[in-house]
Amino acid sequence: MSVRIHWDKVKIYAVSIVIPLALGALVGLITSQFMNYETLSKPPLAPPSILFPIAWSILYLLMGIGYGMLKADGIADGSASVLYIVQLAVNLLWPVAFFVLKWRLFAFIWILLLDALVIAMAVSFYRRKTSAGLLQLPYILWVLFASYLNLGIVLMN
């Protein structure tokens, strides 16, 4: 049995995965000098700071794979692409608001917007390709959990 590699699809997946990972790493690098998570009072279930870059790397990977699936199959129409790009931009700006500017309440409102966008994106992906949408479930759960953490930090600090 011969395996035929479709290089066009490989390129689509590579770009779809590298972009969110690279942008996430860039934002992490920019905001790292402003991180004060360990000094904040946190709500119950708050994970250690080491977990965040691991979790976000996995989520950016899954996000990129899901979008790559749509792109590779030619079903990433305008609305799916717009939702993907907008939620990624909102995602990447949240740590700037929370850590750099220390606008904790604004960051909470911003993450509520992100919650809605991520859910809309996942539904959009799911309607086009079930597996692409299901890959976004960890992202939805994590962002909702991050919203809880953000609100807890607002209330406790």
N, C-alpha and C. Protein backbone atom coordinates (compact mmCIF):
# COMPACT_ATOMS: atom_id res chain seq x y z
N MET A 1 0.85 -1.18 0.00
CA MET A 1 0.00 0.00 0.00
C MET A 1 0.89 1.24 0.00
N SER A 2 0.63 2.11 -0.89
CA SER A 2 1.43 3.32 -1.05
C SER A 2 0.73 4.51 -0.38
N VAL A 3 1.51 5.30 0.31
CA VAL A 3 0.97 6.51 0.93
C VAL A 3 1.34 7.68 0.03
N ARG A 4 0.31 8.38 -0.41
CA ARG A 4 0.53 9.53 -1.28
C ARG A 4 0.40 10.79 -0.44
N ILE A 5 1.43 11.59 -0.45
CA ILE A 5 1.43 12.82 0.33
C ILE A 5 0.92 13.95 -0.55
N HIS A 6 -0.08 14.62 -0.06
CA HIS A 6 -0.62 15.78 -0.75
C HIS A 6 0.06 17.02 -0.15
N TRP A 7 1.10 17.46 -0.82
CA TRP A 7 1.93 18.54 -0.28
C TRP A 7 1.16 19.83 -0.08
N ASP A 8 0.14 20.07 -0.90
CA ASP A 8 -0.67 21.28 -0.71
C ASP A 8 -1.38 21.23 0.64
N LYS A 9 -1.87 20.06 1.01
CA LYS A 9 -2.54 19.91 2.30
C LYS A 9 -1.55 20.00 3.45
N VAL A 10 -0.37 19.44 3.25
CA VAL A 10 0.67 19.53 4.28
C VAL A 10 1.01 21.00 4.54
N LYS A 11 1.14 21.78 3.49
CA LYS A 11 1.44 23.22 3.64
C LYS A 11 0.30 23.94 4.36
N ILE A 12 -0.94 23.61 3.99
CA ILE A 12 -2.09 24.24 4.65
C ILE A 12 -2.07 23.95 6.14
N TYR A 13 -1.87 22.68 6.50
CA TYR A 13 -1.83 22.32 7.92
C TYR A 13 -0.65 22.98 8.63
N ALA A 14 0.50 23.00 7.99
CA ALA A 14 1.69 23.60 8.61
C ALA A 14 1.44 25.07 8.92
N VAL A 15 0.94 25.80 7.95
CA VAL A 15 0.67 27.23 8.15
C VAL A 15 -0.41 27.42 9.21
N SER A 16 -1.47 26.61 9.13
CA SER A 16 -2.58 26.74 10.08
C SER A 16 -2.16 26.45 11.51
N ILE A 17 -1.18 25.59 11.68
CA ILE A 17 -0.69 25.27 13.03
C ILE A 17 0.37 26.26 13.49
N VAL A 18 1.27 26.64 12.61
CA VAL A 18 2.38 27.52 13.00
C VAL A 18 1.89 28.92 13.37
N ILE A 19 0.91 29.44 12.64
CA ILE A 19 0.47 30.82 12.91
C ILE A 19 -0.02 31.01 14.34
N PRO A 20 -1.00 30.23 14.84
CA PRO A 20 -1.42 30.48 16.23
C PRO A 20 -0.33 30.16 17.25
N LEU A 21 0.47 29.12 17.00
CA LEU A 21 1.56 28.80 17.93
C LEU A 21 2.58 29.93 17.99
N ALA A 22 2.96 30.46 16.83
CA ALA A 22 3.96 31.54 16.78
C ALA A 22 3.41 32.82 17.40
N LEU A 23 2.17 33.17 17.08
CA LEU A 23 1.59 34.38 17.66
C LEU A 23 1.42 34.24 19.17
N GLY A 24 1.00 33.06 19.62
CA GLY A 24 0.89 32.82 21.06
C GLY A 24 2.23 32.92 21.75
N ALA A 25 3.26 32.37 21.13
CA ALA A 25 4.62 32.45 21.70
C ALA A 25 5.09 33.91 21.75
N LEU A 26 4.81 34.66 20.69
CA LEU A 26 5.22 36.06 20.65
C LEU A 26 4.53 36.86 21.76
N VAL A 27 3.24 36.68 21.91
CA VAL A 27 2.52 37.38 22.98
C VAL A 27 3.03 36.93 24.34
N GLY A 28 3.30 35.64 24.49
CA GLY A 28 3.86 35.14 25.75
C GLY A 28 5.21 35.77 26.06
N LEU A 29 6.02 35.92 25.05
CA LEU A 29 7.33 36.56 25.22
C LEU A 29 7.18 38.02 25.61
N ILE A 30 6.29 38.72 24.94
CA ILE A 30 6.07 40.14 25.21
C ILE A 30 5.52 40.36 26.62
N THR A 31 4.59 39.52 27.02
CA THR A 31 3.93 39.73 28.31
C THR A 31 4.66 39.08 29.49
N SER A 32 5.64 38.23 29.21
CA SER A 32 6.29 37.47 30.29
C SER A 32 6.92 38.36 31.36
N GLN A 33 7.44 39.49 30.97
CA GLN A 33 8.08 40.36 31.97
C GLN A 33 7.06 41.07 32.86
N PHE A 34 5.79 40.98 32.50
CA PHE A 34 4.74 41.64 33.28
C PHE A 34 3.92 40.64 34.10
N MET A 35 4.23 39.36 33.98
CA MET A 35 3.45 38.32 34.66
C MET A 35 3.61 38.45 36.17
N ASN A 36 2.49 38.49 36.84
CA ASN A 36 2.51 38.52 38.31
C ASN A 36 1.47 37.56 38.87
N TYR A 37 1.18 36.52 38.13
CA TYR A 37 0.16 35.55 38.50
C TYR A 37 0.42 34.97 39.88
N GLU A 38 1.67 34.63 40.17
CA GLU A 38 1.99 33.99 41.45
C GLU A 38 1.74 34.91 42.65
N THR A 39 1.77 36.22 42.45
CA THR A 39 1.58 37.14 43.57
C THR A 39 0.12 37.51 43.79
N LEU A 40 -0.75 37.10 42.89
CA LEU A 40 -2.17 37.44 43.01
C LEU A 40 -2.89 36.47 43.92
N SER A 41 -3.92 36.98 44.60
CA SER A 41 -4.83 36.09 45.31
C SER A 41 -5.70 35.45 44.24
N LYS A 42 -5.85 34.12 44.33
CA LYS A 42 -6.54 33.37 43.28
C LYS A 42 -7.68 32.56 43.86
N PRO A 43 -8.69 32.30 43.05
CA PRO A 43 -9.82 31.50 43.51
C PRO A 43 -9.44 30.02 43.61
N PRO A 44 -10.30 29.23 44.24
CA PRO A 44 -10.05 27.78 44.31
C PRO A 44 -9.89 27.19 42.90
N LEU A 45 -9.09 26.16 42.81
CA LEU A 45 -8.80 25.42 41.58
C LEU A 45 -7.83 26.13 40.65
N ALA A 46 -7.28 27.26 41.08
CA ALA A 46 -6.31 27.96 40.24
C ALA A 46 -5.06 27.10 40.06
N PRO A 47 -4.69 26.83 38.82
CA PRO A 47 -3.53 25.96 38.58
C PRO A 47 -2.22 26.73 38.77
N PRO A 48 -1.11 26.02 38.88
CA PRO A 48 0.20 26.69 38.96
C PRO A 48 0.51 27.33 37.60
N SER A 49 1.31 28.36 37.64
CA SER A 49 1.61 29.13 36.42
C SER A 49 2.28 28.30 35.33
N ILE A 50 3.00 27.25 35.69
CA ILE A 50 3.69 26.42 34.71
C ILE A 50 2.70 25.73 33.75
N LEU A 51 1.47 25.55 34.20
CA LEU A 51 0.47 24.87 33.38
C LEU A 51 0.02 25.72 32.18
N PHE A 52 0.05 27.03 32.30
CA PHE A 52 -0.52 27.90 31.26
C PHE A 52 0.18 27.79 29.91
N PRO A 53 1.49 27.88 29.83
CA PRO A 53 2.10 27.76 28.50
C PRO A 53 1.90 26.38 27.88
N ILE A 54 1.82 25.35 28.71
CA ILE A 54 1.58 24.00 28.20
C ILE A 54 0.16 23.91 27.63
N ALA A 55 -0.81 24.37 28.43
CA ALA A 55 -2.20 24.32 27.99
C ALA A 55 -2.41 25.15 26.73
N TRP A 56 -1.87 26.36 26.71
CA TRP A 56 -2.08 27.21 25.53
C TRP A 56 -1.40 26.66 24.29
N SER A 57 -0.27 26.04 24.45
CA SER A 57 0.39 25.42 23.28
C SER A 57 -0.49 24.32 22.69
N ILE A 58 -1.07 23.51 23.56
CA ILE A 58 -1.96 22.44 23.09
C ILE A 58 -3.20 23.04 22.43
N LEU A 59 -3.76 24.07 23.04
CA LEU A 59 -4.97 24.68 22.49
C LEU A 59 -4.70 25.36 21.15
N TYR A 60 -3.56 26.05 21.02
CA TYR A 60 -3.22 26.67 19.73
C TYR A 60 -3.00 25.59 18.67
N LEU A 61 -2.42 24.49 19.07
CA LEU A 61 -2.22 23.37 18.15
C LEU A 61 -3.57 22.83 17.66
N LEU A 62 -4.49 22.56 18.59
CA LEU A 62 -5.81 22.05 18.23
C LEU A 62 -6.59 23.05 17.38
N MET A 63 -6.48 24.32 17.73
CA MET A 63 -7.13 25.38 16.97
C MET A 63 -6.61 25.38 15.53
N GLY A 64 -5.31 25.30 15.39
CA GLY A 64 -4.70 25.30 14.06
C GLY A 64 -5.06 24.07 13.25
N ILE A 65 -5.09 22.91 13.90
CA ILE A 65 -5.48 21.68 13.20
C ILE A 65 -6.93 21.78 12.71
N GLY A 66 -7.81 22.27 13.59
CA GLY A 66 -9.21 22.41 13.20
C GLY A 66 -9.39 23.33 12.01
N TYR A 67 -8.72 24.47 12.06
CA TYR A 67 -8.83 25.41 10.94
C TYR A 67 -8.16 24.81 9.70
N GLY A 68 -7.05 24.13 9.88
CA GLY A 68 -6.38 23.47 8.76
C GLY A 68 -7.28 22.45 8.09
N MET A 69 -8.07 21.72 8.88
CA MET A 69 -9.01 20.75 8.31
C MET A 69 -9.98 21.45 7.35
N LEU A 70 -10.50 22.57 7.79
CA LEU A 70 -11.45 23.31 6.94
C LEU A 70 -10.76 23.83 5.69
N LYS A 71 -9.58 24.41 5.88
CA LYS A 71 -8.84 24.94 4.73
C LYS A 71 -8.46 23.84 3.75
N ALA A 72 -7.97 22.74 4.26
CA ALA A 72 -7.53 21.64 3.39
C ALA A 72 -8.68 21.05 2.59
N ASP A 73 -9.89 21.06 3.19
CA ASP A 73 -11.06 20.52 2.50
C ASP A 73 -11.79 21.59 1.67
N GLY A 74 -11.27 22.82 1.69
CA GLY A 74 -11.89 23.90 0.92
C GLY A 74 -13.23 24.35 1.47
N ILE A 75 -13.44 24.18 2.78
CA ILE A 75 -14.72 24.57 3.38
C ILE A 75 -14.57 25.66 4.45
N ALA A 76 -13.44 26.33 4.43
CA ALA A 76 -13.23 27.47 5.35
C ALA A 76 -13.75 28.72 4.65
N ASP A 77 -15.09 28.86 4.63
CA ASP A 77 -15.66 30.01 3.95
C ASP A 77 -15.41 31.29 4.75
N GLY A 78 -15.92 32.39 4.26
CA GLY A 78 -15.67 33.69 4.89
C GLY A 78 -16.04 33.76 6.34
N SER A 79 -17.23 33.27 6.72
CA SER A 79 -17.66 33.41 8.11
C SER A 79 -16.80 32.57 9.05
N ALA A 80 -16.45 31.36 8.66
CA ALA A 80 -15.59 30.52 9.51
C ALA A 80 -14.22 31.16 9.66
N SER A 81 -13.67 31.67 8.58
CA SER A 81 -12.35 32.30 8.64
C SER A 81 -12.37 33.58 9.46
N VAL A 82 -13.42 34.38 9.30
CA VAL A 82 -13.52 35.62 10.07
C VAL A 82 -13.62 35.31 11.56
N LEU A 83 -14.47 34.35 11.92
CA LEU A 83 -14.59 33.97 13.34
C LEU A 83 -13.26 33.48 13.88
N TYR A 84 -12.56 32.68 13.11
CA TYR A 84 -11.27 32.15 13.54
C TYR A 84 -10.28 33.29 13.79
N ILE A 85 -10.15 34.18 12.83
CA ILE A 85 -9.18 35.28 12.93
C ILE A 85 -9.54 36.24 14.05
N VAL A 86 -10.82 36.58 14.17
CA VAL A 86 -11.24 37.53 15.21
C VAL A 86 -11.05 36.93 16.59
N GLN A 87 -11.43 35.67 16.78
CA GLN A 87 -11.26 35.08 18.11
C GLN A 87 -9.78 34.97 18.45
N LEU A 88 -8.94 34.69 17.45
CA LEU A 88 -7.50 34.60 17.72
C LEU A 88 -6.95 35.96 18.13
N ALA A 89 -7.38 37.02 17.46
CA ALA A 89 -6.94 38.38 17.81
C ALA A 89 -7.40 38.75 19.22
N VAL A 90 -8.65 38.46 19.54
CA VAL A 90 -9.18 38.76 20.89
C VAL A 90 -8.41 37.94 21.92
N ASN A 91 -8.14 36.69 21.61
CA ASN A 91 -7.37 35.81 22.49
C ASN A 91 -5.99 36.41 22.78
N LEU A 92 -5.32 36.84 21.73
CA LEU A 92 -3.95 37.34 21.88
C LEU A 92 -3.87 38.68 22.60
N LEU A 93 -4.95 39.44 22.59
CA LEU A 93 -4.96 40.73 23.28
C LEU A 93 -5.32 40.61 24.76
N TRP A 94 -5.94 39.49 25.15
CA TRP A 94 -6.33 39.35 26.55
C TRP A 94 -5.13 39.44 27.50
N PRO A 95 -4.01 38.73 27.29
CA PRO A 95 -2.91 38.84 28.26
C PRO A 95 -2.31 40.24 28.32
N VAL A 96 -2.43 40.98 27.25
CA VAL A 96 -1.95 42.38 27.28
C VAL A 96 -2.80 43.17 28.26
N ALA A 97 -4.13 43.03 28.14
CA ALA A 97 -5.02 43.75 29.06
C ALA A 97 -4.83 43.28 30.50
N PHE A 98 -4.72 41.97 30.70
CA PHE A 98 -4.66 41.42 32.05
C PHE A 98 -3.31 41.63 32.72
N PHE A 99 -2.23 41.31 32.02
CA PHE A 99 -0.91 41.34 32.64
C PHE A 99 -0.15 42.63 32.41
N VAL A 100 -0.13 43.13 31.19
CA VAL A 100 0.67 44.32 30.89
C VAL A 100 -0.02 45.57 31.43
N LEU A 101 -1.29 45.76 31.04
CA LEU A 101 -2.01 46.96 31.46
C LEU A 101 -2.62 46.83 32.85
N LYS A 102 -2.76 45.57 33.31
CA LYS A 102 -3.35 45.27 34.62
C LYS A 102 -4.80 45.77 34.72
N TRP A 103 -5.50 45.74 33.60
CA TRP A 103 -6.91 46.10 33.54
C TRP A 103 -7.72 44.84 33.78
N ARG A 104 -7.75 44.38 35.01
CA ARG A 104 -8.34 43.09 35.33
C ARG A 104 -9.84 43.03 35.02
N LEU A 105 -10.60 44.06 35.39
CA LEU A 105 -12.04 44.05 35.11
C LEU A 105 -12.29 44.14 33.60
N PHE A 106 -11.56 44.99 32.91
CA PHE A 106 -11.68 45.06 31.45
C PHE A 106 -11.33 43.71 30.84
N ALA A 107 -10.28 43.07 31.35
CA ALA A 107 -9.87 41.77 30.84
C ALA A 107 -10.99 40.74 31.04
N PHE A 108 -11.72 40.85 32.15
CA PHE A 108 -12.84 39.93 32.37
C PHE A 108 -13.93 40.14 31.32
N ILE A 109 -14.27 41.39 31.06
CA ILE A 109 -15.27 41.68 30.02
C ILE A 109 -14.76 41.20 28.66
N TRP A 110 -13.46 41.41 28.41
CA TRP A 110 -12.84 40.99 27.15
C TRP A 110 -12.89 39.46 27.00
N ILE A 111 -12.66 38.75 28.10
CA ILE A 111 -12.67 37.29 28.00
C ILE A 111 -14.09 36.76 27.82
N LEU A 112 -15.09 37.49 28.29
CA LEU A 112 -16.47 37.10 28.00
C LEU A 112 -16.74 37.19 26.49
N LEU A 113 -16.20 38.22 25.87
CA LEU A 113 -16.27 38.32 24.41
C LEU A 113 -15.57 37.13 23.77
N LEU A 114 -14.40 36.79 24.29
CA LEU A 114 -13.66 35.64 23.77
C LEU A 114 -14.47 34.35 23.93
N ASP A 115 -15.12 34.18 25.08
CA ASP A 115 -15.96 33.00 25.29
C ASP A 115 -16.98 32.87 24.16
N ALA A 116 -17.68 33.95 23.89
CA ALA A 116 -18.72 33.93 22.85
C ALA A 116 -18.12 33.63 21.47
N LEU A 117 -16.98 34.25 21.18
CA LEU A 117 -16.34 34.03 19.88
C LEU A 117 -15.83 32.60 19.71
N VAL A 118 -15.27 32.05 20.76
CA VAL A 118 -14.74 30.67 20.69
C VAL A 118 -15.89 29.69 20.50
N ILE A 119 -16.97 29.89 21.22
CA ILE A 119 -18.14 29.01 21.05
C ILE A 119 -18.69 29.14 19.63
N ALA A 120 -18.82 30.39 19.15
CA ALA A 120 -19.32 30.59 17.79
C ALA A 120 -18.40 29.95 16.76
N MET A 121 -17.08 30.08 16.96
CA MET A 121 -16.12 29.47 16.04
C MET A 121 -16.26 27.96 16.06
N ALA A 122 -16.35 27.37 17.25
CA ALA A 122 -16.46 25.91 17.36
C ALA A 122 -17.73 25.40 16.68
N VAL A 123 -18.83 26.11 16.86
CA VAL A 123 -20.08 25.73 16.21
C VAL A 123 -19.94 25.85 14.70
N SER A 124 -19.33 26.92 14.26
CA SER A 124 -19.09 27.13 12.83
C SER A 124 -18.24 26.01 12.24
N PHE A 125 -17.17 25.66 12.94
CA PHE A 125 -16.31 24.56 12.50
C PHE A 125 -17.10 23.25 12.48
N TYR A 126 -17.86 23.00 13.53
CA TYR A 126 -18.62 21.75 13.68
C TYR A 126 -19.61 21.58 12.53
N ARG A 127 -20.25 22.67 12.15
CA ARG A 127 -21.23 22.61 11.06
C ARG A 127 -20.58 22.27 9.72
N ARG A 128 -19.31 22.64 9.59
CA ARG A 128 -18.61 22.37 8.33
C ARG A 128 -17.93 21.00 8.34
N LYS A 129 -17.36 20.67 9.49
CA LYS A 129 -16.67 19.37 9.64
C LYS A 129 -16.68 19.03 11.12
N THR A 130 -17.39 17.99 11.47
CA THR A 130 -17.61 17.62 12.87
C THR A 130 -16.30 17.54 13.66
N SER A 131 -15.32 16.86 13.12
CA SER A 131 -14.07 16.68 13.86
C SER A 131 -13.36 18.01 14.12
N ALA A 132 -13.44 18.95 13.19
CA ALA A 132 -12.81 20.27 13.39
C ALA A 132 -13.48 21.01 14.54
N GLY A 133 -14.79 20.87 14.65
CA GLY A 133 -15.51 21.50 15.75
C GLY A 133 -15.22 20.83 17.08
N LEU A 134 -15.19 19.51 17.08
CA LEU A 134 -14.93 18.78 18.33
C LEU A 134 -13.53 19.05 18.88
N LEU A 135 -12.59 19.32 17.99
CA LEU A 135 -11.23 19.66 18.44
C LEU A 135 -11.20 20.95 19.25
N GLN A 136 -12.24 21.76 19.15
CA GLN A 136 -12.29 23.04 19.86
C GLN A 136 -12.89 22.92 21.26
N LEU A 137 -13.41 21.74 21.61
CA LEU A 137 -14.01 21.57 22.94
C LEU A 137 -13.04 21.86 24.08
N PRO A 138 -11.79 21.37 24.04
CA PRO A 138 -10.86 21.74 25.12
C PRO A 138 -10.64 23.26 25.21
N TYR A 139 -10.62 23.92 24.07
CA TYR A 139 -10.45 25.37 24.03
C TYR A 139 -11.63 26.06 24.71
N ILE A 140 -12.84 25.62 24.39
CA ILE A 140 -14.04 26.20 25.03
C ILE A 140 -13.94 26.02 26.55
N LEU A 141 -13.65 24.80 26.98
CA LEU A 141 -13.59 24.53 28.42
C LEU A 141 -12.51 25.35 29.10
N TRP A 142 -11.34 25.46 28.46
CA TRP A 142 -10.24 26.21 29.06
C TRP A 142 -10.57 27.70 29.15
N VAL A 143 -11.16 28.26 28.11
CA VAL A 143 -11.47 29.70 28.12
C VAL A 143 -12.56 29.99 29.16
N LEU A 144 -13.53 29.10 29.30
CA LEU A 144 -14.53 29.28 30.35
C LEU A 144 -13.88 29.21 31.73
N PHE A 145 -12.95 28.27 31.91
CA PHE A 145 -12.20 28.18 33.17
C PHE A 145 -11.36 29.43 33.39
N ALA A 146 -10.72 29.93 32.35
CA ALA A 146 -9.93 31.16 32.45
C ALA A 146 -10.82 32.34 32.82
N SER A 147 -12.06 32.34 32.35
CA SER A 147 -13.01 33.40 32.71
C SER A 147 -13.30 33.36 34.20
N TYR A 148 -13.50 32.15 34.71
CA TYR A 148 -13.70 31.98 36.16
C TYR A 148 -12.49 32.50 36.94
N LEU A 149 -11.29 32.13 36.48
CA LEU A 149 -10.07 32.60 37.16
C LEU A 149 -9.97 34.12 37.11
N ASN A 150 -10.25 34.69 35.94
CA ASN A 150 -10.17 36.15 35.77
C ASN A 150 -11.15 36.84 36.74
N LEU A 151 -12.38 36.36 36.79
CA LEU A 151 -13.37 36.96 37.70
C LEU A 151 -12.92 36.79 39.15
N GLY A 152 -12.44 35.60 39.50
CA GLY A 152 -11.98 35.39 40.87
C GLY A 152 -10.85 36.33 41.24
N ILE A 153 -9.95 36.55 40.33
CA ILE A 153 -8.83 37.47 40.59
C ILE A 153 -9.32 38.90 40.74
N VAL A 154 -10.30 39.29 39.91
CA VAL A 154 -10.89 40.63 40.04
C VAL A 154 -11.49 40.79 41.42
N LEU A 155 -12.24 39.81 41.86
CA LEU A 155 -12.95 39.91 43.14
C LEU A 155 -12.02 39.81 44.35
N MET A 156 -10.91 39.10 44.19
CA MET A 156 -10.03 38.84 45.34
C MET A 156 -8.85 39.80 45.46
N ASN A 157 -8.64 40.66 44.47
CA ASN A 157 -7.47 41.54 44.50
C ASN A 157 -7.88 43.01 44.46
